[in-house]
C-alpha atoms as a PDB file:
ATOM      1  CA  UNK A   1     -14.823  21.900 -28.021  1.00  0.00           C
ATOM      2  CA  UNK A   2     -16.099  22.698 -24.550  1.00  0.00           C
ATOM      3  CA  UNK A   3     -13.524  23.925 -22.032  1.00  0.00           C
ATOM      4  CA  UNK A   4     -13.936  23.959 -18.238  1.00  0.00           C
ATOM      5  CA  UNK A   5     -14.561  27.343 -16.654  1.00  0.00           C
ATOM      6  CA  UNK A   6     -12.852  26.226 -13.425  1.00  0.00           C
ATOM      7  CA  UNK A   7     -10.833  23.317 -12.065  1.00  0.00           C
ATOM      8  CA  UNK A   8      -9.949  22.291  -8.535  1.00  0.00           C
ATOM      9  CA  UNK A   9      -6.461  21.778  -7.235  1.00  0.00           C
ATOM     10  CA  UNK A  10      -5.022  18.312  -7.635  1.00  0.00           C
ATOM     11  CA  UNK A  11      -5.906  16.176  -4.613  1.00  0.00           C
ATOM     12  CA  UNK A  12      -4.271  12.996  -3.311  1.00  0.00           C
ATOM     13  CA  UNK A  13      -5.801  10.356  -1.058  1.00  0.00           C
ATOM     14  CA  UNK A  14      -4.378  12.375   1.859  1.00  0.00           C
ATOM     15  CA  UNK A  15      -5.519  15.850   0.743  1.00  0.00           C
ATOM     16  CA  UNK A  16      -8.973  14.977  -0.658  1.00  0.00           C
ATOM     17  CA  UNK A  17     -11.347  17.264   1.298  1.00  0.00           C
ATOM     18  CA  UNK A  18     -13.923  15.731   3.624  1.00  0.00           C
ATOM     19  CA  UNK A  19     -16.606  17.658   1.706  1.00  0.00           C
ATOM     20  CA  UNK A  20     -15.880  15.567  -1.415  1.00  0.00           C
ATOM     21  CA  UNK A  21     -15.832  12.310   0.568  1.00  0.00           C
ATOM     22  CA  UNK A  22     -19.334  13.020   1.887  1.00  0.00           C
ATOM     23  CA  UNK A  23     -22.526  13.454  -0.107  1.00  0.00           C
ATOM     24  CA  UNK A  24     -22.540  16.674  -2.130  1.00  0.00           C
ATOM     25  CA  UNK A  25     -23.709  17.987  -5.508  1.00  0.00           C
ATOM     26  CA  UNK A  26     -22.996  20.613  -8.128  1.00  0.00           C
ATOM     27  CA  UNK A  27     -25.243  23.627  -8.594  1.00  0.00           C
ATOM     28  CA  UNK A  28     -27.975  23.871 -11.199  1.00  0.00           C
ATOM     29  CA  UNK A  29     -26.479  24.162 -14.680  1.00  0.00           C
ATOM     30  CA  UNK A  30     -23.024  22.901 -13.615  1.00  0.00           C
ATOM     31  CA  UNK A  31     -21.515  19.665 -14.953  1.00  0.00           C
ATOM     32  CA  UNK A  32     -18.387  18.185 -13.434  1.00  0.00           C
ATOM     33  CA  UNK A  33     -15.775  15.819 -14.760  1.00  0.00           C
ATOM     34  CA  UNK A  34     -13.696  13.878 -12.257  1.00  0.00           C
ATOM     35  CA  UNK A  35     -10.286  13.277 -13.778  1.00  0.00           C
ATOM     36  CA  UNK A  36      -8.193  10.631 -12.048  1.00  0.00           C
ATOM     37  CA  UNK A  37      -4.551  11.352 -12.825  1.00  0.00           C
ATOM     38  CA  UNK A  38      -3.118   8.363 -11.008  1.00  0.00           C
ATOM     39  CA  UNK A  39      -4.661   5.400  -9.163  1.00  0.00           C
ATOM     40  CA  UNK A  40      -8.354   4.691  -8.615  1.00  0.00           C
ATOM     41  CA  UNK A  41     -11.328   6.480  -7.083  1.00  0.00           C
ATOM     42  CA  UNK A  42     -14.767   5.101  -6.203  1.00  0.00           C
ATOM     43  CA  UNK A  43     -17.575   7.388  -7.490  1.00  0.00           C
ATOM     44  CA  UNK A  44     -20.967   6.682  -5.883  1.00  0.00           C
ATOM     45  CA  UNK A  45     -24.376   8.129  -6.696  1.00  0.00           C
ATOM     46  CA  UNK A  46     -26.615   8.913  -3.736  1.00  0.00           C
ATOM     47  CA  UNK A  47     -29.784   7.802  -5.549  1.00  0.00           C
ATOM     48  CA  UNK A  48     -28.616   4.188  -5.409  1.00  0.00           C
ATOM     49  CA  UNK A  49     -27.782   3.896  -9.111  1.00  0.00           C
ATOM     50  CA  UNK A  50     -24.520   2.265  -8.134  1.00  0.00           C
ATOM     51  CA  UNK A  51     -20.878   3.113  -8.105  1.00  0.00           C
ATOM     52  CA  UNK A  52     -18.138   3.354 -10.701  1.00  0.00           C
ATOM     53  CA  UNK A  53     -14.403   2.899 -10.305  1.00  0.00           C
ATOM     54  CA  UNK A  54     -12.720   5.871 -11.940  1.00  0.00           C
ATOM     55  CA  UNK A  55      -9.224   5.575 -13.403  1.00  0.00           C
ATOM     56  CA  UNK A  56      -7.049   7.713 -15.677  1.00  0.00           C
ATOM     57  CA  UNK A  57      -8.774   6.011 -18.630  1.00  0.00           C
ATOM     58  CA  UNK A  58     -12.292   6.290 -17.162  1.00  0.00           C
ATOM     59  CA  UNK A  59     -13.241   9.794 -15.934  1.00  0.00           C
ATOM     60  CA  UNK A  60     -16.515  10.422 -14.124  1.00  0.00           C
ATOM     61  CA  UNK A  61     -19.281  12.698 -15.395  1.00  0.00           C
ATOM     62  CA  UNK A  62     -21.266  14.563 -12.734  1.00  0.00           C
ATOM     63  CA  UNK A  63     -24.646  15.860 -13.856  1.00  0.00           C
ATOM     64  CA  UNK A  64     -26.037  19.155 -12.506  1.00  0.00           C
ATOM     65  CA  UNK A  65     -27.441  18.773  -8.985  1.00  0.00           C
ATOM     66  CA  UNK A  66     -26.567  15.046  -8.914  1.00  0.00           C
ATOM     67  CA  UNK A  67     -25.860  13.965  -5.307  1.00  0.00           C
ATOM     68  CA  UNK A  68     -22.700  11.867  -5.118  1.00  0.00           C
ATOM     69  CA  UNK A  69     -19.492  11.219  -3.174  1.00  0.00           C
ATOM     70  CA  UNK A  70     -16.032   9.849  -3.881  1.00  0.00           C
ATOM     71  CA  UNK A  71     -13.671   7.556  -2.003  1.00  0.00           C
ATOM     72  CA  UNK A  72      -9.991   6.954  -2.773  1.00  0.00           C
ATOM     73  CA  UNK A  73      -8.912   3.376  -3.405  1.00  0.00           C
ATOM     74  CA  UNK A  74      -5.331   3.452  -2.197  1.00  0.00           C
ATOM     75  CA  UNK A  75      -2.854   6.029  -3.471  1.00  0.00           C
ATOM     76  CA  UNK A  76      -4.360   8.339  -6.070  1.00  0.00           C
ATOM     77  CA  UNK A  77      -4.316  11.844  -7.542  1.00  0.00           C
ATOM     78  CA  UNK A  78      -7.426  13.511  -8.976  1.00  0.00           C
ATOM     79  CA  UNK A  79      -8.922  16.805 -10.057  1.00  0.00           C
ATOM     80  CA  UNK A  80     -12.447  18.041 -10.840  1.00  0.00           C
ATOM     81  CA  UNK A  81     -13.233  20.230 -13.858  1.00  0.00           C
ATOM     82  CA  UNK A  82     -16.435  22.314 -13.969  1.00  0.00           C
ATOM     83  CA  UNK A  83     -18.432  23.209 -17.087  1.00  0.00           C
ATOM     84  CA  UNK A  84     -21.420  25.481 -17.741  1.00  0.00           C
ATOM     85  CA  UNK A  85     -22.682  23.041 -20.389  1.00  0.00           C
ATOM     86  CA  UNK A  86     -22.412  19.301 -20.856  1.00  0.00           C
ATOM     87  CA  UNK A  87     -18.847  18.423 -21.938  1.00  0.00           C
ATOM     88  CA  UNK A  88     -19.038  17.349 -25.569  1.00  0.00           C
ATOM     89  CA  UNK A  89     -16.379  14.636 -25.459  1.00  0.00           C
ATOM     90  CA  UNK A  90     -14.814  13.352 -22.243  1.00  0.00           C
ATOM     91  CA  UNK A  91     -12.192  11.496 -24.263  1.00  0.00           C
ATOM     92  CA  UNK A  92     -10.928  14.685 -25.903  1.00  0.00           C
ATOM     93  CA  UNK A  93     -10.284  16.340 -22.544  1.00  0.00           C
ATOM     94  CA  UNK A  94      -9.383  13.526 -20.212  1.00  0.00           C
ATOM     95  CA  UNK A  95      -7.893  10.597 -22.079  1.00  0.00           C
ATOM     96  CA  UNK A  96     -11.038   8.460 -21.991  1.00  0.00           C
ATOM     97  CA  UNK A  97     -12.023   6.329 -24.970  1.00  0.00           C
ATOM     98  CA  UNK A  98     -15.658   5.965 -23.981  1.00  0.00           C
ATOM     99  CA  UNK A  99     -18.414   7.613 -22.022  1.00  0.00           C
ATOM    100  CA  UNK A 100     -18.008   7.574 -18.246  1.00  0.00           C
ATOM    101  CA  UNK A 101     -20.945   6.573 -16.070  1.00  0.00           C
END
């Protein structure tokens, strides 16, 4: 089972950094998993492939160097976990029952 090598602090809609609200990306070879602990978060891809609403049951997978941004939808709490390889099973780590987009 793959474990994250680092995780962010837990952010709320009030403490979510501006850098995460604007377009950004992970480094080469770094996958991210956005774990929503409470509430909802809009996860948008900069390439126009759409947006996904993330919830505690639907975490978001960030591919290496994938430009994206997030936007809180009301009150929420979230955290990002970073991996040096693709997480093998989002459900095992984050309570999801299927693959996040």
